[in-house]
């Protein structure tokens, strides 16, 4: 059973569709993280850079999960915004060993958070400070400081140190994301009941 299957089981949502965008610069580890989340019998043995985007669908008895693994190459980043409107959560992956491109990651994050389809949504944003196994990797606290995550006041967010190759840190992030999505659905249902 893959981590996303477990996540969907914990959500306890009846036939709810959850769209998750997986964003970040190229070579940050997005596809490797998504691969780790798949059931072990469907995991790819070799990861290749994403061109454009990949869609991974996961189903459980109660949830239909669609993850959009978006290419982080600069020429494809303009595609991201076409998926903002329908997203229920965002996973933003950062290569914590790539100090030189941390400024670019922050610029892309700021563009994302200020986009009209995201700015007013209370969707959860999970950050993976990935590649923690590399010698020059920054801590998740340092990554958080460099990206100025403390300035995000209008959305729930969380950062986890991760090593996508070994799957380390992914469970903690998914546990947090599952809690946020569950709360969001419960709040929406309460609002609908009151209407």
C-alpha atoms as a PDB file:
ATOM      1  CA  UNK A   1       0.000   0.000   0.000  1.00  0.00           C
ATOM      2  CA  UNK A   2       1.471   3.358  -1.043  1.00  0.00           C
ATOM      3  CA  UNK A   3       1.527   6.459   1.127  1.00  0.00           C
ATOM      4  CA  UNK A   4      -1.222   8.105  -0.932  1.00  0.00           C
ATOM      5  CA  UNK A   5      -3.446   5.066  -0.449  1.00  0.00           C
ATOM      6  CA  UNK A   6      -2.900   5.381   3.301  1.00  0.00           C
ATOM      7  CA  UNK A   7      -3.543   9.123   3.114  1.00  0.00           C
ATOM      8  CA  UNK A   8      -6.827   8.622   1.287  1.00  0.00           C
ATOM      9  CA  UNK A   9      -7.876   5.995   3.836  1.00  0.00           C
ATOM     10  CA  UNK A  10      -7.201   8.364   6.722  1.00  0.00           C
ATOM     11  CA  UNK A  11      -9.159  11.147   5.092  1.00  0.00           C
ATOM     12  CA  UNK A  12     -12.335   9.132   5.427  1.00  0.00           C
ATOM     13  CA  UNK A  13     -13.908  11.166   2.661  1.00  0.00           C
ATOM     14  CA  UNK A  14     -16.649   9.612   0.555  1.00  0.00           C
ATOM     15  CA  UNK A  15     -15.849   9.844  -3.143  1.00  0.00           C
ATOM     16  CA  UNK A  16     -14.242  13.241  -2.773  1.00  0.00           C
ATOM     17  CA  UNK A  17     -11.830  14.366  -5.443  1.00  0.00           C
ATOM     18  CA  UNK A  18      -8.630  15.970  -4.259  1.00  0.00           C
ATOM     19  CA  UNK A  19      -6.374  17.742  -6.751  1.00  0.00           C
ATOM     20  CA  UNK A  20      -2.813  18.290  -5.558  1.00  0.00           C
ATOM     21  CA  UNK A  21      -0.242  20.330  -7.468  1.00  0.00           C
ATOM     22  CA  UNK A  22       3.367  19.284  -7.018  1.00  0.00           C
ATOM     23  CA  UNK A  23       5.522  22.303  -7.872  1.00  0.00           C
ATOM     24  CA  UNK A  24       9.145  23.397  -7.548  1.00  0.00           C
ATOM     25  CA  UNK A  25      12.191  24.094  -9.677  1.00  0.00           C
ATOM     26  CA  UNK A  26      13.607  21.460 -11.995  1.00  0.00           C
ATOM     27  CA  UNK A  27      15.765  18.825 -10.295  1.00  0.00           C
ATOM     28  CA  UNK A  28      14.222  19.463  -6.850  1.00  0.00           C
ATOM     29  CA  UNK A  29      12.869  15.904  -6.535  1.00  0.00           C
ATOM     30  CA  UNK A  30       9.156  16.318  -7.306  1.00  0.00           C
ATOM     31  CA  UNK A  31       8.819  13.221  -9.472  1.00  0.00           C
ATOM     32  CA  UNK A  32      10.871  11.144  -7.024  1.00  0.00           C
ATOM     33  CA  UNK A  33       8.550  12.199  -4.184  1.00  0.00           C
ATOM     34  CA  UNK A  34       5.449  11.361  -6.254  1.00  0.00           C
ATOM     35  CA  UNK A  35       7.010   8.003  -7.156  1.00  0.00           C
ATOM     36  CA  UNK A  36       7.539   7.245  -3.444  1.00  0.00           C
ATOM     37  CA  UNK A  37       3.864   7.985  -2.788  1.00  0.00           C
ATOM     38  CA  UNK A  38       2.672   5.411  -5.310  1.00  0.00           C
ATOM     39  CA  UNK A  39       1.981   1.801  -4.327  1.00  0.00           C
ATOM     40  CA  UNK A  40       5.287  -0.107  -4.403  1.00  0.00           C
ATOM     41  CA  UNK A  41       4.203  -2.338  -7.276  1.00  0.00           C
ATOM     42  CA  UNK A  42       3.632   0.716  -9.531  1.00  0.00           C
ATOM     43  CA  UNK A  43       6.768   2.693  -8.655  1.00  0.00           C
ATOM     44  CA  UNK A  44       9.130   3.538 -11.505  1.00  0.00           C
ATOM     45  CA  UNK A  45      12.631   2.095 -11.245  1.00  0.00           C
ATOM     46  CA  UNK A  46      14.208   5.029 -13.054  1.00  0.00           C
ATOM     47  CA  UNK A  47      13.150   8.659 -12.725  1.00  0.00           C
ATOM     48  CA  UNK A  48      13.511  10.951 -15.737  1.00  0.00           C
ATOM     49  CA  UNK A  49      13.026  14.738 -15.803  1.00  0.00           C
ATOM     50  CA  UNK A  50       9.404  15.750 -16.321  1.00  0.00           C
ATOM     51  CA  UNK A  51       8.623  17.490 -19.592  1.00  0.00           C
ATOM     52  CA  UNK A  52       5.444  19.561 -19.279  1.00  0.00           C
ATOM     53  CA  UNK A  53       3.620  17.612 -16.574  1.00  0.00           C
ATOM     54  CA  UNK A  54       2.615  14.132 -15.459  1.00  0.00           C
ATOM     55  CA  UNK A  55      -0.667  13.167 -13.871  1.00  0.00           C
ATOM     56  CA  UNK A  56      -0.783  10.420 -11.269  1.00  0.00           C
ATOM     57  CA  UNK A  57      -4.156   9.138 -10.090  1.00  0.00           C
ATOM     58  CA  UNK A  58      -4.682   7.157  -6.930  1.00  0.00           C
ATOM     59  CA  UNK A  59      -7.944   5.683  -5.740  1.00  0.00           C
ATOM     60  CA  UNK A  60      -9.153   4.230  -2.533  1.00  0.00           C
ATOM     61  CA  UNK A  61     -12.602   3.194  -1.468  1.00  0.00           C
ATOM     62  CA  UNK A  62     -13.399   6.765  -0.452  1.00  0.00           C
ATOM     63  CA  UNK A  63     -11.138   9.149  -2.359  1.00  0.00           C
ATOM     64  CA  UNK A  64     -10.016   9.938  -5.863  1.00  0.00           C
ATOM     65  CA  UNK A  65      -6.597  11.555  -5.702  1.00  0.00           C
ATOM     66  CA  UNK A  66      -5.067  13.380  -8.664  1.00  0.00           C
ATOM     67  CA  UNK A  67      -1.513  14.673  -8.382  1.00  0.00           C
ATOM     68  CA  UNK A  68      -0.229  17.019 -11.064  1.00  0.00           C
ATOM     69  CA  UNK A  69       3.560  16.657 -11.196  1.00  0.00           C
ATOM     70  CA  UNK A  70       4.526  19.867 -12.977  1.00  0.00           C
ATOM     71  CA  UNK A  71       7.851  20.378 -14.727  1.00  0.00           C
ATOM     72  CA  UNK A  72      10.079  22.877 -12.937  1.00  0.00           C
ATOM     73  CA  UNK A  73      12.096  23.843 -16.000  1.00  0.00           C
ATOM     74  CA  UNK A  74      11.803  27.581 -16.606  1.00  0.00           C
ATOM     75  CA  UNK A  75      10.136  27.175 -20.014  1.00  0.00           C
ATOM     76  CA  UNK A  76       7.324  25.068 -18.481  1.00  0.00           C
ATOM     77  CA  UNK A  77       6.625  27.040 -15.307  1.00  0.00           C
ATOM     78  CA  UNK A  78       4.032  29.163 -17.118  1.00  0.00           C
ATOM     79  CA  UNK A  79       1.891  25.994 -17.308  1.00  0.00           C
ATOM     80  CA  UNK A  80       1.500  25.925 -13.521  1.00  0.00           C
ATOM     81  CA  UNK A  81      -1.124  28.660 -13.384  1.00  0.00           C
ATOM     82  CA  UNK A  82      -3.518  26.705 -15.615  1.00  0.00           C
ATOM     83  CA  UNK A  83      -4.010  24.236 -12.732  1.00  0.00           C
ATOM     84  CA  UNK A  84      -4.352  26.658  -9.787  1.00  0.00           C
ATOM     85  CA  UNK A  85      -8.110  27.117  -9.959  1.00  0.00           C
ATOM     86  CA  UNK A  86      -8.930  23.422  -9.466  1.00  0.00           C
ATOM     87  CA  UNK A  87      -6.261  22.665  -6.853  1.00  0.00           C
ATOM     88  CA  UNK A  88      -7.124  21.633  -3.286  1.00  0.00           C
ATOM     89  CA  UNK A  89      -3.540  21.539  -1.993  1.00  0.00           C
ATOM     90  CA  UNK A  90      -0.005  22.355  -3.118  1.00  0.00           C
ATOM     91  CA  UNK A  91       3.215  20.476  -2.497  1.00  0.00           C
ATOM     92  CA  UNK A  92       6.188  22.749  -3.151  1.00  0.00           C
ATOM     93  CA  UNK A  93       9.522  20.944  -3.358  1.00  0.00           C
ATOM     94  CA  UNK A  94      12.834  22.711  -2.773  1.00  0.00           C
ATOM     95  CA  UNK A  95      16.313  21.320  -3.416  1.00  0.00           C
ATOM     96  CA  UNK A  96      17.800  22.311  -0.063  1.00  0.00           C
ATOM     97  CA  UNK A  97      21.336  21.774  -1.385  1.00  0.00           C
ATOM     98  CA  UNK A  98      20.900  24.247  -4.289  1.00  0.00           C
ATOM     99  CA  UNK A  99      21.683  27.509  -2.486  1.00  0.00           C
ATOM    100  CA  UNK A 100      22.297  29.395  -5.727  1.00  0.00           C
ATOM    101  CA  UNK A 101      18.739  28.862  -6.984  1.00  0.00           C
ATOM    102  CA  UNK A 102      16.988  29.490  -3.672  1.00  0.00           C
ATOM    103  CA  UNK A 103      16.263  33.054  -4.897  1.00  0.00           C
ATOM    104  CA  UNK A 104      14.600  31.637  -8.034  1.00  0.00           C
ATOM    105  CA  UNK A 105      12.549  29.225  -5.896  1.00  0.00           C
ATOM    106  CA  UNK A 106      11.401  32.177  -3.752  1.00  0.00           C
ATOM    107  CA  UNK A 107      10.445  34.194  -6.845  1.00  0.00           C
ATOM    108  CA  UNK A 108       8.391  31.293  -8.217  1.00  0.00           C
ATOM    109  CA  UNK A 109       6.740  30.769  -4.818  1.00  0.00           C
ATOM    110  CA  UNK A 110       5.875  34.477  -4.559  1.00  0.00           C
ATOM    111  CA  UNK A 111       4.410  34.432  -8.085  1.00  0.00           C
ATOM    112  CA  UNK A 112       2.337  31.378  -7.149  1.00  0.00           C
ATOM    113  CA  UNK A 113       1.036  32.829  -3.877  1.00  0.00           C
ATOM    114  CA  UNK A 114       0.152  36.159  -5.499  1.00  0.00           C
ATOM    115  CA  UNK A 115      -1.697  34.637  -8.459  1.00  0.00           C
ATOM    116  CA  UNK A 116      -5.398  35.578  -8.516  1.00  0.00           C
ATOM    117  CA  UNK A 117      -6.484  31.911  -8.460  1.00  0.00           C
ATOM    118  CA  UNK A 118      -4.387  31.160  -5.345  1.00  0.00           C
ATOM    119  CA  UNK A 119      -4.178  34.456  -3.452  1.00  0.00           C
ATOM    120  CA  UNK A 120      -7.660  34.246  -1.907  1.00  0.00           C
ATOM    121  CA  UNK A 121      -7.819  30.471  -1.426  1.00  0.00           C
ATOM    122  CA  UNK A 122      -7.114  28.968   1.975  1.00  0.00           C
ATOM    123  CA  UNK A 123      -5.514  25.861   0.458  1.00  0.00           C
ATOM    124  CA  UNK A 124      -2.734  24.126   2.398  1.00  0.00           C
ATOM    125  CA  UNK A 125       0.828  24.396   1.118  1.00  0.00           C
ATOM    126  CA  UNK A 126       3.247  21.641   2.085  1.00  0.00           C
ATOM    127  CA  UNK A 127       6.938  22.349   1.569  1.00  0.00           C
ATOM    128  CA  UNK A 128       9.493  19.592   1.278  1.00  0.00           C
ATOM    129  CA  UNK A 129      13.067  20.803   1.912  1.00  0.00           C
ATOM    130  CA  UNK A 130      14.368  17.903  -0.136  1.00  0.00           C
ATOM    131  CA  UNK A 131      17.790  16.291  -0.577  1.00  0.00           C
ATOM    132  CA  UNK A 132      18.606  16.544   3.129  1.00  0.00           C
ATOM    133  CA  UNK A 133      21.041  13.663   2.664  1.00  0.00           C
ATOM    134  CA  UNK A 134      23.441  15.862   0.665  1.00  0.00           C
ATOM    135  CA  UNK A 135      26.397  17.352   2.490  1.00  0.00           C
ATOM    136  CA  UNK A 136      25.662  21.002   1.633  1.00  0.00           C
ATOM    137  CA  UNK A 137      21.929  20.824   2.329  1.00  0.00           C
ATOM    138  CA  UNK A 138      20.400  23.670   4.310  1.00  0.00           C
ATOM    139  CA  UNK A 139      18.173  22.811   7.268  1.00  0.00           C
ATOM    140  CA  UNK A 140      14.422  23.128   6.831  1.00  0.00           C
ATOM    141  CA  UNK A 141      14.557  26.129   9.202  1.00  0.00           C
ATOM    142  CA  UNK A 142      17.133  27.857   6.984  1.00  0.00           C
ATOM    143  CA  UNK A 143      15.131  27.039   3.828  1.00  0.00           C
ATOM    144  CA  UNK A 144      12.041  28.477   5.528  1.00  0.00           C
ATOM    145  CA  UNK A 145      13.956  31.669   6.359  1.00  0.00           C
ATOM    146  CA  UNK A 146      15.340  32.034   2.824  1.00  0.00           C
ATOM    147  CA  UNK A 147      11.869  31.621   1.317  1.00  0.00           C
ATOM    148  CA  UNK A 148      10.334  33.960   3.955  1.00  0.00           C
ATOM    149  CA  UNK A 149       7.640  31.411   4.746  1.00  0.00           C
ATOM    150  CA  UNK A 150       6.767  33.223   7.965  1.00  0.00           C
ATOM    151  CA  UNK A 151       5.171  35.892   5.733  1.00  0.00           C
ATOM    152  CA  UNK A 152       2.476  33.430   4.611  1.00  0.00           C
ATOM    153  CA  UNK A 153      -0.351  34.446   6.933  1.00  0.00           C
ATOM    154  CA  UNK A 154      -3.458  33.531   4.932  1.00  0.00           C
ATOM    155  CA  UNK A 155      -2.826  29.849   4.220  1.00  0.00           C
ATOM    156  CA  UNK A 156      -1.902  26.875   6.347  1.00  0.00           C
ATOM    157  CA  UNK A 157       1.654  25.800   5.516  1.00  0.00           C
ATOM    158  CA  UNK A 158       4.194  23.347   6.832  1.00  0.00           C
ATOM    159  CA  UNK A 159       7.789  22.496   5.938  1.00  0.00           C
ATOM    160  CA  UNK A 160       9.409  19.082   6.260  1.00  0.00           C
ATOM    161  CA  UNK A 161      12.983  18.015   5.740  1.00  0.00           C
ATOM    162  CA  UNK A 162      12.973  15.150   3.250  1.00  0.00           C
ATOM    163  CA  UNK A 163      15.071  12.667   1.338  1.00  0.00           C
ATOM    164  CA  UNK A 164      12.838  11.587  -1.531  1.00  0.00           C
ATOM    165  CA  UNK A 165      15.070   8.709  -2.621  1.00  0.00           C
ATOM    166  CA  UNK A 166      14.715   7.001   0.758  1.00  0.00           C
ATOM    167  CA  UNK A 167      11.210   8.362   1.430  1.00  0.00           C
ATOM    168  CA  UNK A 168      12.354  10.108   4.626  1.00  0.00           C
ATOM    169  CA  UNK A 169      10.155  12.969   5.841  1.00  0.00           C
ATOM    170  CA  UNK A 170       7.352  12.249   3.383  1.00  0.00           C
ATOM    171  CA  UNK A 171       5.042  10.618   5.925  1.00  0.00           C
ATOM    172  CA  UNK A 172       5.234  13.606   8.284  1.00  0.00           C
ATOM    173  CA  UNK A 173       4.291  15.926   5.441  1.00  0.00           C
ATOM    174  CA  UNK A 174       1.441  13.748   4.254  1.00  0.00           C
ATOM    175  CA  UNK A 175       0.058  13.432   7.782  1.00  0.00           C
ATOM    176  CA  UNK A 176      -0.052  17.231   8.025  1.00  0.00           C
ATOM    177  CA  UNK A 177      -1.568  17.611   4.548  1.00  0.00           C
ATOM    178  CA  UNK A 178      -4.231  15.009   5.276  1.00  0.00           C
ATOM    179  CA  UNK A 179      -5.249  16.882   8.441  1.00  0.00           C
ATOM    180  CA  UNK A 180      -5.504  20.153   6.514  1.00  0.00           C
ATOM    181  CA  UNK A 181      -7.567  18.670   3.677  1.00  0.00           C
ATOM    182  CA  UNK A 182      -9.889  16.949   6.142  1.00  0.00           C
ATOM    183  CA  UNK A 183     -10.427  20.216   8.045  1.00  0.00           C
ATOM    184  CA  UNK A 184     -11.074  22.057   4.796  1.00  0.00           C
ATOM    185  CA  UNK A 185     -13.747  19.568   3.705  1.00  0.00           C
ATOM    186  CA  UNK A 186     -15.365  19.603   7.148  1.00  0.00           C
ATOM    187  CA  UNK A 187     -15.462  23.415   7.164  1.00  0.00           C
ATOM    188  CA  UNK A 188     -16.989  23.482   3.667  1.00  0.00           C
ATOM    189  CA  UNK A 189     -19.635  20.937   4.657  1.00  0.00           C
ATOM    190  CA  UNK A 190     -20.511  22.963   7.778  1.00  0.00           C
ATOM    191  CA  UNK A 191     -20.851  26.109   5.664  1.00  0.00           C
ATOM    192  CA  UNK A 192     -23.067  24.260   3.176  1.00  0.00           C
ATOM    193  CA  UNK A 193     -25.235  22.912   6.021  1.00  0.00           C
ATOM    194  CA  UNK A 194     -25.721  26.442   7.369  1.00  0.00           C
ATOM    195  CA  UNK A 195     -26.631  27.888   3.982  1.00  0.00           C
END
